[in-house]
């Protein structure tokens, strides 16, 4: 079973973890979060991240961060080894929910699931969708003009 470590700008990491635990309350031991504070040196955040990796005590760990090139990502890059732990940036809630759902799969398969969850979770919702439109009166005789 894989562990998941969220490293993000405060308070995003903890907030995402709480959302995940709302849906999957039994995954508390597999999901950890590190909120990177703006006034904390990166070396201190890295030490905290290493301690969290040890606490996860999982076979493999997927580390996810919010923004590529920012301090949380830079800390995570120093943390992962590319074999037993891997890194994905651009974390969002659909990514995490998919990741937790499939955390029993191999680390490479888990990365694929996470990426799919992240991209498929971003959808433009049209305000003109049929469910948002007013219904026609049932006495309308023009049956050729219908919504699809």
N, C-alpha and C. Protein backbone atom coordinates (compact mmCIF):
# COMPACT_ATOMS: atom_id res chain seq x y z
N UNK A 1 0.85 -1.18 0.00
CA UNK A 1 0.00 0.00 0.00
C UNK A 1 0.89 1.24 0.00
N UNK A 2 0.55 2.21 -0.81
CA UNK A 2 1.33 3.43 -0.95
C UNK A 2 0.89 4.49 0.05
N UNK A 3 1.84 5.29 0.47
CA UNK A 3 1.55 6.45 1.28
C UNK A 3 1.44 7.68 0.39
N UNK A 4 0.77 8.69 0.88
CA UNK A 4 0.59 9.93 0.13
C UNK A 4 0.99 11.07 1.05
N UNK A 5 1.91 11.90 0.59
CA UNK A 5 2.36 13.06 1.35
C UNK A 5 2.05 14.31 0.54
N UNK A 6 1.24 15.19 1.12
CA UNK A 6 0.87 16.45 0.49
C UNK A 6 1.77 17.54 1.09
N UNK A 7 2.51 18.22 0.23
CA UNK A 7 3.35 19.34 0.67
C UNK A 7 2.90 20.56 -0.12
N UNK A 8 2.36 21.56 0.59
CA UNK A 8 1.81 22.73 -0.10
C UNK A 8 1.90 23.96 0.79
N UNK A 9 1.67 25.10 0.19
CA UNK A 9 1.63 26.35 0.94
C UNK A 9 0.54 26.26 2.01
N UNK A 10 0.84 26.78 3.20
CA UNK A 10 -0.12 26.77 4.30
C UNK A 10 -1.33 27.61 3.93
N UNK A 11 -2.51 27.17 4.22
CA UNK A 11 -2.96 25.95 4.89
C UNK A 11 -3.47 24.89 3.92
N UNK A 12 -3.06 24.96 2.66
CA UNK A 12 -3.62 24.10 1.62
C UNK A 12 -3.40 22.62 1.88
N UNK A 13 -2.21 22.22 2.29
CA UNK A 13 -1.94 20.79 2.48
C UNK A 13 -2.88 20.19 3.52
N UNK A 14 -3.02 20.84 4.65
CA UNK A 14 -3.92 20.32 5.70
C UNK A 14 -5.37 20.34 5.26
N UNK A 15 -5.76 21.38 4.54
CA UNK A 15 -7.14 21.46 4.06
C UNK A 15 -7.45 20.33 3.08
N UNK A 16 -6.53 20.06 2.17
CA UNK A 16 -6.74 18.95 1.23
C UNK A 16 -6.81 17.61 1.96
N UNK A 17 -5.95 17.43 2.94
CA UNK A 17 -5.97 16.18 3.72
C UNK A 17 -7.32 16.03 4.43
N UNK A 18 -7.83 17.10 5.01
CA UNK A 18 -9.12 17.04 5.70
C UNK A 18 -10.25 16.68 4.73
N UNK A 19 -10.20 17.21 3.53
CA UNK A 19 -11.20 16.86 2.51
C UNK A 19 -11.13 15.38 2.16
N UNK A 20 -9.91 14.88 2.00
CA UNK A 20 -9.73 13.46 1.69
C UNK A 20 -10.27 12.60 2.82
N UNK A 21 -9.98 12.97 4.06
CA UNK A 21 -10.44 12.18 5.21
C UNK A 21 -11.94 12.28 5.40
N UNK A 22 -12.56 13.33 4.89
CA UNK A 22 -14.01 13.44 4.93
C UNK A 22 -14.64 12.34 4.07
N UNK A 23 -14.02 12.05 2.93
CA UNK A 23 -14.52 11.03 2.01
C UNK A 23 -14.01 9.64 2.38
N UNK A 24 -12.74 9.56 2.80
CA UNK A 24 -12.10 8.29 3.14
C UNK A 24 -11.54 8.35 4.57
N UNK A 25 -12.40 8.30 5.57
CA UNK A 25 -11.91 8.45 6.96
C UNK A 25 -10.95 7.35 7.40
N UNK A 26 -10.96 6.22 6.73
CA UNK A 26 -10.07 5.12 7.10
C UNK A 26 -8.66 5.26 6.52
N UNK A 27 -8.40 6.34 5.80
CA UNK A 27 -7.08 6.50 5.17
C UNK A 27 -6.16 7.46 5.93
N UNK A 28 -6.48 7.77 7.16
CA UNK A 28 -5.71 8.75 7.93
C UNK A 28 -4.24 8.37 8.07
N UNK A 29 -3.95 7.09 8.23
CA UNK A 29 -2.57 6.66 8.41
C UNK A 29 -1.77 6.69 7.11
N UNK A 30 -2.46 6.72 5.97
CA UNK A 30 -1.79 6.67 4.68
C UNK A 30 -1.58 8.05 4.05
N UNK A 31 -2.25 9.07 4.60
CA UNK A 31 -2.18 10.41 4.01
C UNK A 31 -1.65 11.39 5.05
N UNK A 32 -0.55 12.07 4.70
CA UNK A 32 0.04 13.08 5.59
C UNK A 32 0.11 14.41 4.86
N UNK A 33 0.16 15.49 5.63
CA UNK A 33 0.19 16.82 5.04
C UNK A 33 1.21 17.70 5.74
N UNK A 34 1.95 18.44 4.95
CA UNK A 34 2.91 19.41 5.47
C UNK A 34 2.56 20.77 4.89
N UNK A 35 2.13 21.67 5.77
CA UNK A 35 1.87 23.05 5.38
C UNK A 35 3.17 23.83 5.47
N UNK A 36 3.66 24.31 4.34
CA UNK A 36 4.90 25.08 4.32
C UNK A 36 4.55 26.52 4.67
N UNK A 37 5.10 26.98 5.77
CA UNK A 37 4.86 28.34 6.25
C UNK A 37 5.79 29.32 5.54
N UNK A 38 5.34 30.55 5.33
CA UNK A 38 6.17 31.51 4.58
C UNK A 38 7.45 31.94 5.30
N UNK A 39 7.48 31.86 6.61
CA UNK A 39 8.65 32.36 7.35
C UNK A 39 9.57 31.24 7.85
N UNK A 40 9.35 30.01 7.39
CA UNK A 40 10.15 28.87 7.82
C UNK A 40 11.20 28.58 6.74
N UNK A 41 12.47 28.42 7.12
CA UNK A 41 13.50 28.09 6.13
C UNK A 41 13.21 26.75 5.44
N UNK A 42 13.53 26.64 4.15
CA UNK A 42 13.28 25.39 3.43
C UNK A 42 13.93 24.17 4.07
N UNK A 43 15.09 24.35 4.70
CA UNK A 43 15.77 23.22 5.36
C UNK A 43 14.93 22.65 6.49
N UNK A 44 14.23 23.54 7.21
CA UNK A 44 13.37 23.08 8.29
C UNK A 44 12.15 22.34 7.75
N UNK A 45 11.58 22.86 6.66
CA UNK A 45 10.45 22.16 6.02
C UNK A 45 10.89 20.80 5.50
N UNK A 46 12.10 20.71 4.96
CA UNK A 46 12.62 19.44 4.46
C UNK A 46 12.78 18.45 5.61
N UNK A 47 13.26 18.89 6.74
CA UNK A 47 13.40 18.01 7.90
C UNK A 47 12.03 17.50 8.36
N UNK A 48 11.03 18.38 8.35
CA UNK A 48 9.68 17.96 8.72
C UNK A 48 9.14 16.95 7.70
N UNK A 49 9.39 17.18 6.44
CA UNK A 49 8.92 16.27 5.39
C UNK A 49 9.57 14.90 5.53
N UNK A 50 10.85 14.86 5.84
CA UNK A 50 11.54 13.58 6.04
C UNK A 50 10.94 12.82 7.22
N UNK A 51 10.64 13.52 8.28
CA UNK A 51 10.02 12.88 9.44
C UNK A 51 8.64 12.32 9.08
N UNK A 52 7.89 13.05 8.28
CA UNK A 52 6.57 12.56 7.87
C UNK A 52 6.68 11.34 6.97
N UNK A 53 7.69 11.31 6.11
CA UNK A 53 7.90 10.12 5.26
C UNK A 53 8.18 8.90 6.12
N UNK A 54 8.98 9.07 7.16
CA UNK A 54 9.26 7.94 8.06
C UNK A 54 8.00 7.51 8.81
N UNK A 55 7.16 8.47 9.20
CA UNK A 55 5.93 8.14 9.91
C UNK A 55 4.94 7.40 9.03
N UNK A 56 4.93 7.71 7.76
CA UNK A 56 4.02 7.00 6.86
C UNK A 56 4.33 5.52 6.85
N UNK A 57 5.61 5.19 6.96
CA UNK A 57 6.06 3.80 7.03
C UNK A 57 5.41 2.93 5.96
N UNK A 58 5.27 3.50 4.80
CA UNK A 58 4.68 2.77 3.68
C UNK A 58 5.79 2.22 2.80
N UNK A 59 5.45 1.26 1.98
CA UNK A 59 6.43 0.70 1.05
C UNK A 59 6.89 1.76 0.07
N UNK A 60 5.97 2.49 -0.52
CA UNK A 60 6.26 3.57 -1.46
C UNK A 60 5.44 4.79 -1.08
N UNK A 61 5.90 5.95 -1.51
CA UNK A 61 5.18 7.18 -1.18
C UNK A 61 5.06 8.06 -2.41
N UNK A 62 3.86 8.54 -2.65
CA UNK A 62 3.61 9.53 -3.67
C UNK A 62 3.55 10.88 -2.98
N UNK A 63 4.41 11.79 -3.42
CA UNK A 63 4.44 13.15 -2.86
C UNK A 63 3.78 14.06 -3.88
N UNK A 64 2.85 14.88 -3.41
CA UNK A 64 2.17 15.82 -4.29
C UNK A 64 2.34 17.23 -3.73
N UNK A 65 2.55 18.19 -4.63
CA UNK A 65 2.72 19.59 -4.23
C UNK A 65 1.79 20.47 -5.06
N UNK A 66 1.69 21.72 -4.64
CA UNK A 66 0.75 22.62 -5.30
C UNK A 66 1.30 23.29 -6.56
N UNK A 67 2.47 23.92 -6.48
CA UNK A 67 2.96 24.71 -7.61
C UNK A 67 4.41 24.33 -7.94
N UNK A 68 4.65 23.99 -9.18
CA UNK A 68 6.01 23.68 -9.60
C UNK A 68 6.90 24.91 -9.46
N UNK A 69 8.09 24.72 -8.90
CA UNK A 69 9.05 25.80 -8.76
C UNK A 69 8.95 26.59 -7.47
N UNK A 70 7.85 26.42 -6.73
CA UNK A 70 7.67 27.12 -5.46
C UNK A 70 8.37 26.34 -4.35
N UNK A 71 8.47 26.94 -3.18
CA UNK A 71 9.18 26.32 -2.07
C UNK A 71 8.69 24.92 -1.73
N UNK A 72 7.37 24.66 -1.64
CA UNK A 72 6.95 23.29 -1.34
C UNK A 72 7.45 22.27 -2.36
N UNK A 73 7.43 22.63 -3.62
CA UNK A 73 7.93 21.73 -4.66
C UNK A 73 9.43 21.54 -4.55
N UNK A 74 10.15 22.61 -4.28
CA UNK A 74 11.60 22.52 -4.13
C UNK A 74 11.98 21.62 -2.97
N UNK A 75 11.24 21.71 -1.88
CA UNK A 75 11.46 20.83 -0.73
C UNK A 75 11.19 19.39 -1.13
N UNK A 76 10.08 19.16 -1.82
CA UNK A 76 9.70 17.81 -2.23
C UNK A 76 10.70 17.20 -3.19
N UNK A 77 11.27 18.01 -4.07
CA UNK A 77 12.26 17.50 -5.02
C UNK A 77 13.49 16.95 -4.31
N UNK A 78 13.85 17.56 -3.19
CA UNK A 78 14.99 17.08 -2.41
C UNK A 78 14.62 15.84 -1.61
N UNK A 79 13.33 15.63 -1.41
CA UNK A 79 12.83 14.52 -0.59
C UNK A 79 12.71 13.21 -1.36
N UNK A 80 12.22 13.27 -2.58
CA UNK A 80 11.92 12.05 -3.34
C UNK A 80 13.17 11.47 -3.97
N UNK A 81 13.15 10.16 -4.13
CA UNK A 81 14.30 9.48 -4.73
C UNK A 81 14.01 8.98 -6.14
N UNK A 82 12.75 9.07 -6.60
CA UNK A 82 12.41 8.64 -7.95
C UNK A 82 12.16 7.15 -8.09
N UNK A 83 12.39 6.39 -7.02
CA UNK A 83 12.18 4.94 -7.06
C UNK A 83 11.09 4.55 -6.07
N UNK A 84 11.36 4.74 -4.80
CA UNK A 84 10.38 4.40 -3.76
C UNK A 84 9.45 5.57 -3.43
N UNK A 85 9.79 6.73 -3.95
CA UNK A 85 8.93 7.90 -3.80
C UNK A 85 9.01 8.72 -5.08
N UNK A 86 7.87 9.25 -5.49
CA UNK A 86 7.79 10.04 -6.72
C UNK A 86 6.98 11.29 -6.44
N UNK A 87 7.13 12.27 -7.32
CA UNK A 87 6.57 13.60 -7.11
C UNK A 87 5.68 14.02 -8.26
N UNK A 88 4.53 14.60 -7.92
CA UNK A 88 3.62 15.22 -8.90
C UNK A 88 3.28 16.61 -8.37
N UNK A 89 3.29 17.61 -9.23
CA UNK A 89 2.87 18.95 -8.84
C UNK A 89 1.49 19.24 -9.42
N UNK A 90 0.89 20.31 -8.95
CA UNK A 90 -0.44 20.70 -9.43
C UNK A 90 -1.56 19.96 -8.72
N UNK A 91 -1.36 19.63 -7.47
CA UNK A 91 -2.34 18.83 -6.74
C UNK A 91 -3.70 19.53 -6.71
N UNK A 92 -4.74 18.72 -6.84
CA UNK A 92 -6.11 19.19 -6.63
C UNK A 92 -6.90 18.07 -5.97
N UNK A 93 -8.09 18.38 -5.50
CA UNK A 93 -8.87 17.40 -4.77
C UNK A 93 -9.26 16.18 -5.61
N UNK A 94 -9.70 16.34 -6.87
CA UNK A 94 -9.99 15.13 -7.66
C UNK A 94 -8.78 14.21 -7.79
N UNK A 95 -7.58 14.79 -7.93
CA UNK A 95 -6.36 13.99 -7.99
C UNK A 95 -6.20 13.17 -6.72
N UNK A 96 -6.36 13.82 -5.58
CA UNK A 96 -6.17 13.14 -4.30
C UNK A 96 -7.21 12.06 -4.05
N UNK A 97 -8.45 12.33 -4.40
CA UNK A 97 -9.50 11.32 -4.19
C UNK A 97 -9.23 10.09 -5.05
N UNK A 98 -8.82 10.29 -6.28
CA UNK A 98 -8.48 9.17 -7.15
C UNK A 98 -7.27 8.43 -6.59
N UNK A 99 -6.28 9.17 -6.11
CA UNK A 99 -5.06 8.57 -5.59
C UNK A 99 -5.35 7.70 -4.37
N UNK A 100 -6.15 8.21 -3.46
CA UNK A 100 -6.48 7.43 -2.26
C UNK A 100 -7.29 6.19 -2.64
N UNK A 101 -8.16 6.33 -3.61
CA UNK A 101 -8.97 5.18 -4.05
C UNK A 101 -8.12 4.03 -4.58
N UNK A 102 -7.00 4.37 -5.21
CA UNK A 102 -6.16 3.36 -5.85
C UNK A 102 -4.79 3.23 -5.20
N UNK A 103 -4.65 3.58 -3.93
CA UNK A 103 -3.34 3.58 -3.28
C UNK A 103 -2.73 2.19 -3.13
N UNK A 104 -3.51 1.14 -3.37
CA UNK A 104 -3.00 -0.23 -3.30
C UNK A 104 -2.25 -0.65 -4.57
N UNK A 105 -2.38 0.13 -5.64
CA UNK A 105 -1.71 -0.21 -6.90
C UNK A 105 -0.23 0.17 -6.85
N UNK A 106 0.51 -0.24 -7.85
CA UNK A 106 1.94 0.11 -7.91
C UNK A 106 2.10 1.63 -7.98
N UNK A 107 3.27 2.11 -7.61
CA UNK A 107 3.51 3.55 -7.60
C UNK A 107 3.36 4.15 -9.00
N UNK A 108 3.84 3.46 -10.01
CA UNK A 108 3.70 3.97 -11.38
C UNK A 108 2.24 4.02 -11.82
N UNK A 109 1.48 2.99 -11.47
CA UNK A 109 0.05 2.99 -11.80
C UNK A 109 -0.67 4.09 -11.02
N UNK A 110 -0.25 4.31 -9.79
CA UNK A 110 -0.86 5.35 -8.96
C UNK A 110 -0.61 6.73 -9.56
N UNK A 111 0.56 6.96 -10.10
CA UNK A 111 0.85 8.23 -10.75
C UNK A 111 -0.07 8.45 -11.94
N UNK A 112 -0.26 7.41 -12.72
CA UNK A 112 -1.16 7.50 -13.86
C UNK A 112 -2.59 7.83 -13.41
N UNK A 113 -3.05 7.15 -12.38
CA UNK A 113 -4.40 7.40 -11.83
C UNK A 113 -4.51 8.84 -11.32
N UNK A 114 -3.47 9.32 -10.65
CA UNK A 114 -3.49 10.68 -10.11
C UNK A 114 -3.58 11.71 -11.23
N UNK A 115 -2.81 11.52 -12.28
CA UNK A 115 -2.81 12.46 -13.39
C UNK A 115 -4.17 12.48 -14.10
N UNK A 116 -4.75 11.32 -14.27
CA UNK A 116 -6.08 11.24 -14.89
C UNK A 116 -7.12 11.92 -14.00
N UNK A 117 -7.06 11.65 -12.70
CA UNK A 117 -7.99 12.27 -11.78
C UNK A 117 -7.88 13.78 -11.78
N UNK A 118 -6.64 14.28 -11.86
CA UNK A 118 -6.42 15.73 -11.84
C UNK A 118 -7.01 16.39 -13.08
N UNK A 119 -6.77 15.80 -14.24
CA UNK A 119 -7.24 16.43 -15.47
C UNK A 119 -8.73 16.23 -15.70
N UNK A 120 -9.24 15.05 -15.38
CA UNK A 120 -10.67 14.82 -15.58
C UNK A 120 -11.52 15.55 -14.55
N UNK A 121 -10.90 15.99 -13.47
CA UNK A 121 -11.63 16.73 -12.45
C UNK A 121 -11.80 18.20 -12.78
N UNK A 122 -11.15 18.66 -13.85
CA UNK A 122 -11.28 20.05 -14.27
C UNK A 122 -12.23 20.11 -15.45
N UNK A 123 -13.41 20.65 -15.22
CA UNK A 123 -14.46 20.67 -16.23
C UNK A 123 -15.12 22.04 -16.24
N UNK A 124 -15.31 22.60 -17.41
CA UNK A 124 -16.08 23.83 -17.51
C UNK A 124 -17.55 23.45 -17.50
N UNK A 125 -18.29 24.05 -16.59
CA UNK A 125 -19.72 23.77 -16.48
C UNK A 125 -20.47 24.93 -17.11
N UNK A 126 -21.28 24.62 -18.11
CA UNK A 126 -22.03 25.66 -18.81
C UNK A 126 -23.27 26.03 -18.01
N UNK A 127 -23.54 27.32 -17.91
CA UNK A 127 -24.74 27.76 -17.20
C UNK A 127 -25.98 27.54 -18.04
N UNK A 128 -25.79 27.21 -19.31
CA UNK A 128 -26.94 26.96 -20.18
C UNK A 128 -27.24 25.48 -20.32
N UNK A 129 -26.71 24.68 -19.42
CA UNK A 129 -26.98 23.25 -19.46
C UNK A 129 -28.47 23.00 -19.32
N UNK A 130 -28.98 21.94 -19.94
CA UNK A 130 -30.43 21.67 -19.90
C UNK A 130 -31.00 21.67 -18.49
N UNK A 131 -30.27 21.17 -17.53
CA UNK A 131 -30.82 21.12 -16.18
C UNK A 131 -30.95 22.51 -15.56
N UNK A 132 -30.31 23.52 -16.14
CA UNK A 132 -30.40 24.88 -15.63
C UNK A 132 -31.39 25.75 -16.41
N UNK A 133 -31.93 25.21 -17.48
CA UNK A 133 -32.86 25.98 -18.30
C UNK A 133 -34.29 25.81 -17.80
N UNK A 134 -35.06 26.84 -18.04
CA UNK A 134 -36.49 26.78 -17.66
C UNK A 134 -37.19 25.74 -18.52
N UNK A 135 -38.10 25.04 -17.93
CA UNK A 135 -38.87 24.02 -18.66
C UNK A 135 -39.95 24.68 -19.50
N UNK A 136 -40.22 24.07 -20.63
CA UNK A 136 -41.30 24.55 -21.48
C UNK A 136 -42.63 24.08 -20.93
N UNK A 137 -43.61 24.86 -21.20
CA UNK A 137 -44.96 24.47 -20.80
C UNK A 137 -45.35 23.21 -21.56
N UNK A 138 -46.10 22.34 -20.92
CA UNK A 138 -46.46 21.07 -21.54
C UNK A 138 -47.44 21.23 -22.69
N UNK A 139 -48.08 22.38 -22.84
CA UNK A 139 -49.03 22.59 -23.92
C UNK A 139 -48.37 23.11 -25.20
N UNK A 140 -47.05 23.17 -25.23
CA UNK A 140 -46.31 23.62 -26.42
C UNK A 140 -46.52 22.60 -27.54
N UNK A 141 -46.97 23.05 -28.69
CA UNK A 141 -47.30 22.16 -29.80
C UNK A 141 -46.13 21.93 -30.75
N UNK A 142 -45.05 22.67 -30.60
CA UNK A 142 -43.91 22.54 -31.51
C UNK A 142 -42.97 21.45 -31.00
N UNK A 143 -43.18 20.23 -31.41
CA UNK A 143 -42.40 19.09 -30.92
C UNK A 143 -41.05 18.96 -31.60
N UNK A 144 -40.86 19.70 -32.72
CA UNK A 144 -39.58 19.63 -33.43
C UNK A 144 -38.50 20.43 -32.71
N UNK A 145 -38.87 21.40 -31.91
CA UNK A 145 -37.90 22.25 -31.22
C UNK A 145 -37.72 21.72 -29.80
N UNK A 146 -36.67 20.97 -29.60
CA UNK A 146 -36.45 20.37 -28.29
C UNK A 146 -35.00 20.57 -27.85
N UNK A 147 -34.78 20.41 -26.58
CA UNK A 147 -33.42 20.55 -26.03
C UNK A 147 -32.74 19.18 -26.05
N UNK A 148 -31.42 19.21 -26.22
CA UNK A 148 -30.68 17.96 -26.17
C UNK A 148 -29.61 18.05 -25.17
